[in-house]
């Protein structure tokens, strides 16, 4: 935790959380779509998990009145473009011990797409159940991106993350594939439908 890279990581996540909570606190904001590209998807995902943990802590502390984290239910979609989340997990976050309890605790600390705020039950009276729709857009020619399995947990649930494959070019171009998401007609349609219409029409 004293490592300079750890401190820089915490600074980035703190800044990301500040932005998210600032938007959530805006009374004129009714709905939020979180969009990330490349490493930004990992930052956004970790930020959502961090604020979800704080929300869980505030709920389990027995606080009756609403807290600032109740506004997380405004988030309707999480859209990742060219995400390296699985590759980051494979290279930097895999842990293994012969003690199954250690493995289980390490696995739980990583977080899941089924944790708060992705899935919420009874966040507010009569709120029912809300699920943040996670759409992962990737180009098979993109060497950075991949399908996302690690956020789904030990038993993958195909409904938790919707995978969408696009092609940025007829000619294989790894660099162009990773930077061309915002030029893709299908990716633009996904963003438009989620941000403007508030739904998926795939």
N, C-alpha and C. Protein backbone atom coordinates (compact mmCIF):
# COMPACT_ATOMS: atom_id res chain seq x y z
N UNK A 1 0.81 -1.21 0.00
CA UNK A 1 0.00 0.00 0.00
C UNK A 1 0.85 1.27 0.00
N UNK A 2 2.15 1.13 0.30
CA UNK A 2 3.03 2.30 0.28
C UNK A 2 3.66 2.51 -1.09
N UNK A 3 3.44 1.57 -1.98
CA UNK A 3 4.01 1.66 -3.31
C UNK A 3 3.40 2.85 -4.05
N UNK A 4 4.23 3.58 -4.79
CA UNK A 4 3.77 4.77 -5.49
C UNK A 4 2.70 4.43 -6.52
N UNK A 5 2.78 3.26 -7.14
CA UNK A 5 1.78 2.87 -8.13
C UNK A 5 0.44 2.57 -7.48
N UNK A 6 0.48 2.03 -6.25
CA UNK A 6 -0.76 1.78 -5.51
C UNK A 6 -1.43 3.11 -5.18
N UNK A 7 -0.64 4.08 -4.74
CA UNK A 7 -1.20 5.38 -4.40
C UNK A 7 -1.78 6.06 -5.63
N UNK A 8 -1.09 5.95 -6.76
CA UNK A 8 -1.60 6.53 -8.00
C UNK A 8 -2.92 5.87 -8.40
N UNK A 9 -3.00 4.56 -8.23
CA UNK A 9 -4.24 3.83 -8.55
C UNK A 9 -5.39 4.33 -7.68
N UNK A 10 -5.11 4.51 -6.38
CA UNK A 10 -6.16 4.99 -5.49
C UNK A 10 -6.58 6.41 -5.83
N UNK A 11 -5.64 7.24 -6.26
CA UNK A 11 -5.97 8.61 -6.67
C UNK A 11 -6.89 8.62 -7.88
N UNK A 12 -6.59 7.76 -8.84
CA UNK A 12 -7.41 7.68 -10.05
C UNK A 12 -8.82 7.21 -9.70
N UNK A 13 -8.92 6.18 -8.86
CA UNK A 13 -10.23 5.66 -8.48
C UNK A 13 -11.01 6.67 -7.64
N UNK A 14 -10.31 7.41 -6.79
CA UNK A 14 -10.97 8.44 -5.98
C UNK A 14 -11.54 9.54 -6.87
N UNK A 15 -10.77 9.95 -7.87
CA UNK A 15 -11.23 10.98 -8.81
C UNK A 15 -12.44 10.48 -9.60
N UNK A 16 -12.37 9.21 -10.01
CA UNK A 16 -13.49 8.61 -10.76
C UNK A 16 -14.74 8.55 -9.90
N UNK A 17 -14.57 8.17 -8.64
CA UNK A 17 -15.73 8.09 -7.75
C UNK A 17 -16.31 9.48 -7.48
N UNK A 18 -15.46 10.47 -7.34
CA UNK A 18 -15.93 11.84 -7.11
C UNK A 18 -16.80 12.31 -8.28
N UNK A 19 -16.36 12.01 -9.51
CA UNK A 19 -17.13 12.41 -10.70
C UNK A 19 -18.49 11.72 -10.70
N UNK A 20 -18.47 10.40 -10.45
CA UNK A 20 -19.71 9.64 -10.47
C UNK A 20 -20.69 10.14 -9.41
N UNK A 21 -20.21 10.35 -8.19
CA UNK A 21 -21.08 10.79 -7.11
C UNK A 21 -21.57 12.22 -7.33
N UNK A 22 -20.75 13.04 -7.98
CA UNK A 22 -21.16 14.42 -8.32
C UNK A 22 -22.34 14.39 -9.28
N UNK A 23 -22.27 13.52 -10.28
CA UNK A 23 -23.37 13.41 -11.26
C UNK A 23 -24.62 12.83 -10.58
N UNK A 24 -24.44 11.81 -9.76
CA UNK A 24 -25.57 11.19 -9.07
C UNK A 24 -26.29 12.19 -8.18
N UNK A 25 -25.52 13.08 -7.55
CA UNK A 25 -26.10 14.04 -6.60
C UNK A 25 -26.90 15.14 -7.30
N UNK A 26 -26.77 15.28 -8.61
CA UNK A 26 -27.48 16.33 -9.35
C UNK A 26 -28.98 15.98 -9.39
N UNK A 27 -29.79 16.84 -8.84
CA UNK A 27 -31.24 16.59 -8.78
C UNK A 27 -31.87 16.54 -10.17
N UNK A 28 -31.24 17.17 -11.15
CA UNK A 28 -31.78 17.17 -12.51
C UNK A 28 -31.42 15.91 -13.28
N UNK A 29 -30.57 15.08 -12.70
CA UNK A 29 -30.14 13.85 -13.36
C UNK A 29 -31.06 12.70 -12.96
N UNK A 30 -31.77 12.14 -13.94
CA UNK A 30 -32.70 11.04 -13.67
C UNK A 30 -32.11 9.68 -14.00
N UNK A 31 -31.19 9.65 -14.97
CA UNK A 31 -30.66 8.36 -15.43
C UNK A 31 -29.22 8.55 -15.89
N UNK A 32 -28.39 7.53 -15.61
CA UNK A 32 -26.96 7.61 -15.93
C UNK A 32 -26.56 6.39 -16.75
N UNK A 33 -25.77 6.63 -17.79
CA UNK A 33 -25.15 5.57 -18.57
C UNK A 33 -23.64 5.73 -18.42
N UNK A 34 -22.98 4.73 -17.89
CA UNK A 34 -21.53 4.76 -17.70
C UNK A 34 -20.88 4.09 -18.91
N UNK A 35 -20.00 4.82 -19.60
CA UNK A 35 -19.34 4.32 -20.80
C UNK A 35 -17.83 4.38 -20.60
N UNK A 36 -17.16 3.28 -20.92
CA UNK A 36 -15.70 3.25 -20.81
C UNK A 36 -15.07 2.61 -22.02
N UNK A 37 -13.85 3.04 -22.34
CA UNK A 37 -13.09 2.45 -23.45
C UNK A 37 -11.72 2.03 -22.94
N UNK A 38 -11.29 0.86 -23.35
CA UNK A 38 -9.96 0.35 -23.03
C UNK A 38 -9.74 0.30 -21.51
N UNK A 39 -8.65 0.87 -21.03
CA UNK A 39 -8.35 0.84 -19.59
C UNK A 39 -9.42 1.58 -18.79
N UNK A 40 -10.10 2.52 -19.43
CA UNK A 40 -11.19 3.24 -18.77
C UNK A 40 -12.31 2.32 -18.31
N UNK A 41 -12.48 1.17 -19.00
CA UNK A 41 -13.52 0.23 -18.59
C UNK A 41 -13.16 -0.41 -17.24
N UNK A 42 -11.88 -0.70 -17.04
CA UNK A 42 -11.44 -1.29 -15.78
C UNK A 42 -11.57 -0.28 -14.64
N UNK A 43 -11.26 0.99 -14.93
CA UNK A 43 -11.40 2.04 -13.91
C UNK A 43 -12.87 2.22 -13.54
N UNK A 44 -13.74 2.26 -14.56
CA UNK A 44 -15.17 2.43 -14.30
C UNK A 44 -15.73 1.24 -13.54
N UNK A 45 -15.32 0.03 -13.90
CA UNK A 45 -15.81 -1.18 -13.23
C UNK A 45 -15.40 -1.20 -11.76
N UNK A 46 -14.12 -0.88 -11.49
CA UNK A 46 -13.65 -0.86 -10.11
C UNK A 46 -14.33 0.24 -9.31
N UNK A 47 -14.59 1.37 -9.96
CA UNK A 47 -15.30 2.46 -9.28
C UNK A 47 -16.70 2.03 -8.88
N UNK A 48 -17.40 1.36 -9.79
CA UNK A 48 -18.76 0.89 -9.49
C UNK A 48 -18.75 -0.12 -8.34
N UNK A 49 -17.76 -1.01 -8.36
CA UNK A 49 -17.66 -1.98 -7.25
C UNK A 49 -17.37 -1.29 -5.93
N UNK A 50 -16.49 -0.27 -5.95
CA UNK A 50 -16.13 0.44 -4.72
C UNK A 50 -17.33 1.17 -4.12
N UNK A 51 -18.07 1.89 -4.97
CA UNK A 51 -19.24 2.61 -4.44
C UNK A 51 -20.33 1.62 -4.04
N UNK A 52 -20.39 0.48 -4.72
CA UNK A 52 -21.34 -0.56 -4.34
C UNK A 52 -21.05 -1.11 -2.96
N UNK A 53 -19.75 -1.27 -2.65
CA UNK A 53 -19.37 -1.75 -1.31
C UNK A 53 -19.73 -0.72 -0.23
N UNK A 54 -19.55 0.54 -0.56
CA UNK A 54 -19.93 1.58 0.41
C UNK A 54 -21.44 1.61 0.61
N UNK A 55 -22.17 1.39 -0.46
CA UNK A 55 -23.62 1.33 -0.36
C UNK A 55 -24.04 0.15 0.52
N UNK A 56 -23.40 -0.98 0.31
CA UNK A 56 -23.70 -2.17 1.12
C UNK A 56 -23.39 -1.92 2.59
N UNK A 57 -22.26 -1.27 2.85
CA UNK A 57 -21.88 -0.97 4.24
C UNK A 57 -22.89 -0.05 4.90
N UNK A 58 -23.37 0.96 4.15
CA UNK A 58 -24.33 1.91 4.73
C UNK A 58 -25.67 1.23 5.00
N UNK A 59 -26.03 0.26 4.15
CA UNK A 59 -27.29 -0.45 4.35
C UNK A 59 -27.20 -1.42 5.53
N UNK A 60 -26.03 -2.07 5.68
CA UNK A 60 -25.88 -3.05 6.75
C UNK A 60 -25.60 -2.40 8.10
N UNK A 61 -25.29 -1.11 8.10
CA UNK A 61 -25.04 -0.42 9.36
C UNK A 61 -26.34 -0.08 10.08
N UNK A 62 -27.46 -0.30 9.40
CA UNK A 62 -28.75 -0.04 10.02
C UNK A 62 -29.22 1.39 9.89
N UNK A 63 -28.58 2.16 9.00
CA UNK A 63 -28.99 3.55 8.80
C UNK A 63 -30.35 3.56 8.10
N UNK A 64 -31.33 4.18 8.73
CA UNK A 64 -32.69 4.15 8.19
C UNK A 64 -32.89 5.19 7.09
N UNK A 65 -32.30 6.37 7.26
CA UNK A 65 -32.51 7.44 6.29
C UNK A 65 -31.72 7.17 5.01
N UNK A 66 -32.17 7.77 3.91
CA UNK A 66 -31.46 7.58 2.64
C UNK A 66 -30.03 8.12 2.73
N UNK A 67 -29.12 7.49 2.01
CA UNK A 67 -27.74 7.95 1.95
C UNK A 67 -27.41 8.36 0.52
N UNK A 68 -26.26 8.99 0.36
CA UNK A 68 -25.85 9.46 -0.98
C UNK A 68 -25.70 8.32 -1.96
N UNK A 69 -25.49 7.10 -1.47
CA UNK A 69 -25.27 5.96 -2.35
C UNK A 69 -26.56 5.37 -2.90
N UNK A 70 -27.71 5.77 -2.33
CA UNK A 70 -28.98 5.31 -2.87
C UNK A 70 -29.18 5.80 -4.31
N UNK A 71 -28.51 6.88 -4.65
CA UNK A 71 -28.62 7.42 -6.01
C UNK A 71 -28.01 6.53 -7.07
N UNK A 72 -27.30 5.47 -6.66
CA UNK A 72 -26.70 4.55 -7.63
C UNK A 72 -27.76 3.87 -8.49
N UNK A 73 -29.00 3.85 -8.00
CA UNK A 73 -30.05 3.21 -8.79
C UNK A 73 -30.38 4.02 -10.05
N UNK A 74 -29.81 5.22 -10.17
CA UNK A 74 -29.99 6.00 -11.40
C UNK A 74 -29.23 5.40 -12.58
N UNK A 75 -28.23 4.57 -12.28
CA UNK A 75 -27.40 4.00 -13.36
C UNK A 75 -28.20 2.90 -14.07
N UNK A 76 -28.45 3.09 -15.35
CA UNK A 76 -29.24 2.11 -16.10
C UNK A 76 -28.36 1.18 -16.94
N UNK A 77 -27.23 1.69 -17.45
CA UNK A 77 -26.37 0.89 -18.33
C UNK A 77 -24.90 1.11 -18.01
N UNK A 78 -24.13 0.07 -18.25
CA UNK A 78 -22.67 0.14 -18.21
C UNK A 78 -22.18 -0.44 -19.53
N UNK A 79 -21.57 0.41 -20.35
CA UNK A 79 -21.14 -0.01 -21.68
C UNK A 79 -19.62 0.02 -21.76
N UNK A 80 -19.02 -1.13 -22.05
CA UNK A 80 -17.57 -1.24 -22.16
C UNK A 80 -17.19 -1.47 -23.61
N UNK A 81 -16.20 -0.72 -24.07
CA UNK A 81 -15.72 -0.81 -25.45
C UNK A 81 -14.24 -1.18 -25.43
N UNK A 82 -13.89 -2.28 -26.08
CA UNK A 82 -12.49 -2.70 -26.12
C UNK A 82 -11.92 -2.95 -24.75
N UNK A 83 -12.65 -3.67 -23.91
CA UNK A 83 -12.27 -3.82 -22.51
C UNK A 83 -11.21 -4.90 -22.27
N UNK A 84 -10.16 -4.55 -21.50
CA UNK A 84 -9.13 -5.54 -21.13
C UNK A 84 -9.33 -6.11 -19.72
N UNK A 85 -10.55 -6.01 -19.17
CA UNK A 85 -10.79 -6.43 -17.78
C UNK A 85 -10.34 -7.87 -17.55
N UNK A 86 -10.68 -8.78 -18.47
CA UNK A 86 -10.30 -10.17 -18.28
C UNK A 86 -8.79 -10.36 -18.36
N UNK A 87 -8.13 -9.65 -19.25
CA UNK A 87 -6.67 -9.77 -19.39
C UNK A 87 -5.98 -9.21 -18.14
N UNK A 88 -6.47 -8.11 -17.61
CA UNK A 88 -5.92 -7.56 -16.38
C UNK A 88 -6.07 -8.56 -15.25
N UNK A 89 -7.23 -9.18 -15.17
CA UNK A 89 -7.47 -10.18 -14.13
C UNK A 89 -6.51 -11.36 -14.27
N UNK A 90 -6.31 -11.81 -15.51
CA UNK A 90 -5.45 -12.97 -15.75
C UNK A 90 -4.00 -12.69 -15.39
N UNK A 91 -3.50 -11.51 -15.76
CA UNK A 91 -2.08 -11.21 -15.56
C UNK A 91 -1.75 -10.68 -14.16
N UNK A 92 -2.70 -9.99 -13.51
CA UNK A 92 -2.35 -9.29 -12.28
C UNK A 92 -3.16 -9.67 -11.05
N UNK A 93 -4.31 -10.33 -11.21
CA UNK A 93 -5.17 -10.52 -10.05
C UNK A 93 -5.45 -11.97 -9.70
N UNK A 94 -4.90 -12.90 -10.44
CA UNK A 94 -5.13 -14.30 -10.10
C UNK A 94 -4.34 -14.68 -8.85
N UNK A 95 -5.02 -15.29 -7.91
CA UNK A 95 -4.36 -15.77 -6.69
C UNK A 95 -4.73 -17.23 -6.50
N UNK A 96 -3.82 -17.97 -5.93
CA UNK A 96 -4.12 -19.38 -5.68
C UNK A 96 -3.38 -19.84 -4.44
N UNK A 97 -4.10 -20.57 -3.62
CA UNK A 97 -3.53 -21.14 -2.41
C UNK A 97 -4.10 -22.54 -2.24
N UNK A 98 -3.39 -23.38 -1.52
CA UNK A 98 -3.93 -24.72 -1.26
C UNK A 98 -5.04 -24.66 -0.22
N UNK A 99 -5.20 -23.48 0.41
CA UNK A 99 -6.26 -23.30 1.40
C UNK A 99 -7.49 -22.71 0.72
N UNK A 100 -8.56 -23.49 0.68
CA UNK A 100 -9.74 -23.07 -0.07
C UNK A 100 -10.39 -21.82 0.52
N UNK A 101 -10.27 -21.60 1.82
CA UNK A 101 -10.85 -20.40 2.43
C UNK A 101 -10.16 -19.14 1.93
N UNK A 102 -8.83 -19.21 1.80
CA UNK A 102 -8.08 -18.07 1.26
C UNK A 102 -8.54 -17.78 -0.17
N UNK A 103 -8.66 -18.83 -0.98
CA UNK A 103 -9.11 -18.65 -2.37
C UNK A 103 -10.50 -18.04 -2.41
N UNK A 104 -11.36 -18.48 -1.50
CA UNK A 104 -12.73 -17.98 -1.49
C UNK A 104 -12.78 -16.51 -1.10
N UNK A 105 -12.00 -16.13 -0.09
CA UNK A 105 -11.97 -14.72 0.34
C UNK A 105 -11.39 -13.85 -0.77
N UNK A 106 -10.28 -14.29 -1.38
CA UNK A 106 -9.67 -13.53 -2.47
C UNK A 106 -10.63 -13.38 -3.63
N UNK A 107 -11.39 -14.43 -3.91
CA UNK A 107 -12.37 -14.40 -4.99
C UNK A 107 -13.49 -13.41 -4.69
N UNK A 108 -13.95 -13.39 -3.44
CA UNK A 108 -15.01 -12.47 -3.05
C UNK A 108 -14.56 -11.02 -3.11
N UNK A 109 -13.31 -10.76 -2.73
CA UNK A 109 -12.80 -9.39 -2.72
C UNK A 109 -12.69 -8.79 -4.12
N UNK A 110 -12.60 -9.64 -5.13
CA UNK A 110 -12.51 -9.14 -6.50
C UNK A 110 -13.79 -8.47 -6.95
N UNK A 111 -14.92 -8.91 -6.44
CA UNK A 111 -16.20 -8.33 -6.85
C UNK A 111 -16.78 -9.06 -8.05
N UNK A 112 -18.06 -8.84 -8.27
CA UNK A 112 -18.81 -9.54 -9.31
C UNK A 112 -19.80 -8.61 -10.00
N UNK A 113 -20.25 -9.05 -11.15
CA UNK A 113 -21.31 -8.31 -11.84
C UNK A 113 -22.67 -8.58 -11.20
N UNK A 114 -22.70 -9.42 -10.17
CA UNK A 114 -23.95 -9.66 -9.43
C UNK A 114 -23.95 -8.93 -8.09
N UNK A 115 -22.87 -8.16 -7.80
CA UNK A 115 -22.79 -7.39 -6.57
C UNK A 115 -23.49 -6.04 -6.74
N UNK A 116 -23.67 -5.34 -5.62
CA UNK A 116 -24.09 -3.94 -5.69
C UNK A 116 -23.03 -3.14 -6.43
N UNK A 117 -23.37 -2.19 -7.26
CA UNK A 117 -24.71 -1.72 -7.57
C UNK A 117 -25.33 -2.39 -8.81
N UNK A 118 -24.67 -3.43 -9.35
CA UNK A 118 -25.17 -4.05 -10.57
C UNK A 118 -26.53 -4.71 -10.34
N UNK A 119 -26.70 -5.32 -9.18
CA UNK A 119 -28.00 -5.89 -8.81
C UNK A 119 -28.38 -5.35 -7.45
N UNK A 120 -29.60 -4.83 -7.36
CA UNK A 120 -30.06 -4.25 -6.10
C UNK A 120 -31.45 -4.74 -5.79
N UNK A 121 -31.66 -5.13 -4.54
CA UNK A 121 -32.97 -5.54 -4.08
C UNK A 121 -33.45 -4.59 -2.99
N UNK A 122 -34.62 -4.04 -3.22
CA UNK A 122 -35.26 -3.18 -2.21
C UNK A 122 -34.35 -2.06 -1.72
N UNK A 123 -33.75 -1.35 -2.70
CA UNK A 123 -32.91 -0.21 -2.34
C UNK A 123 -33.75 0.89 -1.71
N UNK A 124 -34.96 1.04 -2.19
CA UNK A 124 -35.88 2.02 -1.63
C UNK A 124 -37.24 1.33 -1.52
N UNK A 125 -38.16 1.87 -0.72
CA UNK A 125 -39.47 1.25 -0.62
C UNK A 125 -40.12 1.08 -1.99
N UNK A 126 -40.60 -0.10 -2.26
CA UNK A 126 -41.26 -0.43 -3.52
C UNK A 126 -40.36 -0.32 -4.73
N UNK A 127 -39.04 -0.27 -4.52
CA UNK A 127 -38.13 -0.14 -5.65
C UNK A 127 -38.00 -1.46 -6.40
N UNK A 128 -38.25 -2.57 -5.69
CA UNK A 128 -38.12 -3.87 -6.34
C UNK A 128 -36.68 -4.18 -6.65
N UNK A 129 -36.47 -4.81 -7.79
CA UNK A 129 -35.13 -5.25 -8.15
C UNK A 129 -34.66 -4.51 -9.40
N UNK A 130 -33.45 -4.02 -9.35
CA UNK A 130 -32.90 -3.31 -10.50
C UNK A 130 -31.59 -3.95 -10.90
N UNK A 131 -31.38 -4.08 -12.19
CA UNK A 131 -30.13 -4.63 -12.70
C UNK A 131 -29.54 -3.63 -13.68
N UNK A 132 -28.29 -3.23 -13.46
CA UNK A 132 -27.59 -2.39 -14.42
C UNK A 132 -27.27 -3.25 -15.63
N UNK A 133 -27.70 -2.83 -16.78
CA UNK A 133 -27.45 -3.59 -18.01
C UNK A 133 -26.01 -3.35 -18.46
N UNK A 134 -25.21 -4.41 -18.46
CA UNK A 134 -23.81 -4.33 -18.87
C UNK A 134 -23.69 -4.86 -20.29
N UNK A 135 -23.23 -4.00 -21.20
CA UNK A 135 -23.04 -4.38 -22.59
C UNK A 135 -21.55 -4.26 -22.91
N UNK A 136 -20.93 -5.36 -23.30
CA UNK A 136 -19.51 -5.36 -23.64
C UNK A 136 -19.36 -5.45 -25.15
N UNK A 137 -18.81 -4.41 -25.75
CA UNK A 137 -18.62 -4.34 -27.20
C UNK A 137 -17.15 -4.61 -27.51
N UNK A 138 -16.88 -5.58 -28.37
CA UNK A 138 -15.49 -5.89 -28.69
C UNK A 138 -15.36 -6.25 -30.17
N UNK A 139 -14.18 -5.97 -30.69
CA UNK A 139 -13.81 -6.34 -32.06
C UNK A 139 -12.88 -7.54 -31.96
N UNK A 140 -13.20 -8.67 -32.62
CA UNK A 140 -12.33 -9.85 -32.55
C UNK A 140 -10.90 -9.57 -32.99
N UNK A 141 -10.68 -8.52 -33.80
CA UNK A 141 -9.34 -8.17 -34.25
C UNK A 141 -8.59 -7.31 -33.23
N UNK A 142 -9.28 -6.90 -32.17
CA UNK A 142 -8.68 -6.06 -31.14
C UNK A 142 -7.86 -6.93 -30.19
N UNK A 143 -6.53 -6.75 -30.12
CA UNK A 143 -5.70 -7.60 -29.25
C UNK A 143 -5.85 -7.28 -27.76
N UNK A 144 -6.45 -6.13 -27.43
CA UNK A 144 -6.61 -5.72 -26.04
C UNK A 144 -7.91 -6.27 -25.45
N UNK A 145 -8.95 -6.29 -26.26
CA UNK A 145 -10.29 -6.65 -25.77
C UNK A 145 -10.51 -8.15 -25.78
N UNK A 146 -11.49 -8.57 -24.98
CA UNK A 146 -11.90 -9.97 -24.96
C UNK A 146 -13.30 -10.08 -24.39
N UNK A 147 -13.88 -11.25 -24.52
CA UNK A 147 -15.14 -11.49 -23.83
C UNK A 147 -14.87 -11.42 -22.33
N UNK A 148 -15.88 -11.06 -21.56
CA UNK A 148 -15.69 -10.89 -20.13
C UNK A 148 -16.27 -12.06 -19.36
N UNK A 149 -15.38 -12.80 -18.70
CA UNK A 149 -15.79 -13.94 -17.90
C UNK A 149 -15.54 -13.70 -16.40
N UNK A 150 -14.40 -13.10 -16.06
CA UNK A 150 -14.04 -12.94 -14.65
C UNK A 150 -15.05 -12.13 -13.84
N UNK A 151 -15.70 -11.09 -14.41
CA UNK A 151 -16.68 -10.37 -13.58
C UNK A 151 -17.94 -11.17 -13.28
N UNK A 152 -18.16 -12.26 -14.02
CA UNK A 152 -19.41 -13.02 -13.85
C UNK A 152 -19.35 -13.98 -12.68
N UNK A 153 -18.17 -14.24 -12.15
CA UNK A 153 -18.08 -15.15 -11.03
C UNK A 153 -17.69 -16.55 -11.46
N UNK A 154 -17.73 -17.46 -10.49
CA UNK A 154 -17.28 -18.82 -10.73
C UNK A 154 -18.13 -19.52 -11.78
N UNK A 155 -19.43 -19.35 -11.70
CA UNK A 155 -20.33 -19.94 -12.69
C UNK A 155 -20.82 -18.82 -13.60
N UNK A 156 -20.33 -18.74 -14.84
CA UNK A 156 -20.71 -17.64 -15.73
C UNK A 156 -22.23 -17.58 -15.94
N UNK A 157 -22.73 -16.38 -15.87
CA UNK A 157 -24.15 -16.15 -16.14
C UNK A 157 -24.24 -15.26 -17.37
N UNK A 158 -24.69 -15.82 -18.46
CA UNK A 158 -24.66 -15.10 -19.73
C UNK A 158 -25.60 -13.89 -19.72
N UNK A 159 -26.53 -13.85 -18.77
CA UNK A 159 -27.46 -12.73 -18.73
C UNK A 159 -26.86 -11.51 -18.03
N UNK A 160 -25.79 -11.68 -17.30
CA UNK A 160 -25.24 -10.56 -16.54
C UNK A 160 -24.46 -9.59 -17.43
N UNK A 161 -23.82 -10.11 -18.48
CA UNK A 161 -23.08 -9.25 -19.41
C UNK A 161 -23.48 -9.63 -20.83
N UNK A 162 -23.97 -8.66 -21.57
CA UNK A 162 -24.36 -8.92 -22.95
C UNK A 162 -23.15 -8.64 -23.85
N UNK A 163 -22.71 -9.67 -24.54
CA UNK A 163 -21.54 -9.55 -25.42
C UNK A 163 -21.98 -9.18 -26.84
N UNK A 164 -21.33 -8.16 -27.39
CA UNK A 164 -21.63 -7.72 -28.76
C UNK A 164 -20.32 -7.68 -29.54
N UNK A 165 -20.27 -8.38 -30.65
CA UNK A 165 -19.08 -8.40 -31.50
C UNK A 165 -19.28 -7.47 -32.69
N UNK A 166 -18.29 -6.62 -32.94
CA UNK A 166 -18.35 -5.72 -34.09
C UNK A 166 -17.08 -5.89 -34.92
N UNK A 167 -17.11 -5.38 -36.14
CA UNK A 167 -15.94 -5.41 -37.01
C UNK A 167 -15.69 -4.01 -37.53
N UNK A 168 -14.52 -3.47 -37.22
CA UNK A 168 -14.21 -2.11 -37.62
C UNK A 168 -13.70 -2.02 -39.05
N UNK A 169 -13.26 -3.16 -39.60
CA UNK A 169 -12.69 -3.13 -40.95
C UNK A 169 -12.73 -4.53 -41.55
N UNK A 170 -12.72 -4.58 -42.89
CA UNK A 170 -12.65 -5.87 -43.59
C UNK A 170 -11.21 -6.39 -43.60
N UNK A 171 -10.26 -5.51 -43.31
CA UNK A 171 -8.85 -5.88 -43.29
C UNK A 171 -8.38 -5.91 -41.83
N UNK A 172 -7.76 -7.00 -41.38
CA UNK A 172 -7.28 -7.06 -39.99
C UNK A 172 -6.33 -5.91 -39.67
N UNK A 173 -6.67 -5.15 -38.64
CA UNK A 173 -5.84 -4.03 -38.22
C UNK A 173 -5.94 -3.91 -36.71
N UNK A 174 -5.02 -4.55 -35.98
CA UNK A 174 -5.11 -4.56 -34.51
C UNK A 174 -5.20 -3.17 -33.89
N UNK A 175 -4.34 -2.25 -34.34
CA UNK A 175 -4.37 -0.90 -33.80
C UNK A 175 -5.66 -0.19 -34.12
N UNK A 176 -6.09 -0.30 -35.35
CA UNK A 176 -7.34 0.34 -35.77
C UNK A 176 -8.55 -0.27 -35.10
N UNK A 177 -8.48 -1.58 -34.84
CA UNK A 177 -9.60 -2.25 -34.20
C UNK A 177 -9.80 -1.74 -32.78
N UNK A 178 -8.71 -1.42 -32.10
CA UNK A 178 -8.83 -0.97 -30.70
C UNK A 178 -9.26 0.49 -30.60
N UNK A 179 -8.97 1.28 -31.61
CA UNK A 179 -9.31 2.70 -31.55
C UNK A 179 -10.55 3.06 -32.38
N UNK A 180 -11.10 2.09 -33.10
CA UNK A 180 -12.17 2.40 -34.04
C UNK A 180 -13.59 2.18 -33.55
N UNK A 181 -13.76 1.98 -32.25
CA UNK A 181 -15.11 1.68 -31.73
C UNK A 181 -16.09 2.81 -31.95
N UNK A 182 -15.63 4.04 -31.79
CA UNK A 182 -16.55 5.17 -31.92
C UNK A 182 -16.84 5.51 -33.38
N UNK A 183 -16.20 4.81 -34.30
CA UNK A 183 -16.51 4.97 -35.72
C UNK A 183 -17.40 3.85 -36.23
N UNK A 184 -17.69 2.88 -35.38
CA UNK A 184 -18.54 1.75 -35.75
C UNK A 184 -20.01 2.14 -35.69
N UNK A 185 -20.74 1.81 -36.74
CA UNK A 185 -22.17 2.13 -36.78
C UNK A 185 -22.94 1.36 -35.70
N UNK A 186 -22.58 0.07 -35.51
CA UNK A 186 -23.27 -0.73 -34.50
C UNK A 186 -22.97 -0.22 -33.09
N UNK A 187 -21.70 0.13 -32.82
CA UNK A 187 -21.35 0.67 -31.51
C UNK A 187 -22.07 1.99 -31.25
N UNK A 188 -22.16 2.83 -32.29
CA UNK A 188 -22.87 4.10 -32.16
C UNK A 188 -24.35 3.88 -31.87
N UNK A 189 -24.92 2.85 -32.50
CA UNK A 189 -26.34 2.54 -32.27
C UNK A 189 -26.56 2.07 -30.82
N UNK A 190 -25.64 1.25 -30.32
CA UNK A 190 -25.75 0.78 -28.94
C UNK A 190 -25.70 1.96 -27.97
N UNK A 191 -24.75 2.88 -28.20
CA UNK A 191 -24.62 4.05 -27.33
C UNK A 191 -25.86 4.95 -27.43
N UNK A 192 -26.35 5.14 -28.65
CA UNK A 192 -27.53 6.00 -28.85
C UNK A 192 -28.76 5.40 -28.16
N UNK A 193 -28.96 4.11 -28.37
CA UNK A 193 -30.13 3.45 -27.79
C UNK A 193 -30.11 3.51 -26.26
N UNK A 194 -28.92 3.27 -25.67
CA UNK A 194 -28.80 3.29 -24.21
C UNK A 194 -28.88 4.70 -23.65
N UNK A 195 -28.13 5.64 -24.25
CA UNK A 195 -28.05 6.99 -23.72
C UNK A 195 -29.31 7.83 -24.00
N UNK A 196 -29.81 7.74 -25.21
CA UNK A 196 -30.93 8.60 -25.59
C UNK A 196 -32.28 7.92 -25.37
N UNK A 197 -32.39 6.64 -25.80
CA UNK A 197 -33.68 5.95 -25.71
C UNK A 197 -33.85 5.20 -24.39
N UNK A 198 -32.73 4.89 -23.72
CA UNK A 198 -32.81 4.20 -22.45
C UNK A 198 -33.16 2.74 -22.58
N UNK A 199 -32.76 2.12 -23.68
CA UNK A 199 -33.08 0.70 -23.89
C UNK A 199 -32.06 0.09 -24.84
N UNK A 200 -32.09 -1.25 -24.95
CA UNK A 200 -31.27 -1.95 -25.92
C UNK A 200 -32.19 -2.44 -27.03
N UNK A 201 -31.74 -2.27 -28.26
CA UNK A 201 -32.55 -2.72 -29.40
C UNK A 201 -31.72 -3.63 -30.30
N UNK A 202 -30.88 -4.45 -29.68
CA UNK A 202 -30.03 -5.36 -30.46
C UNK A 202 -30.83 -6.58 -30.88
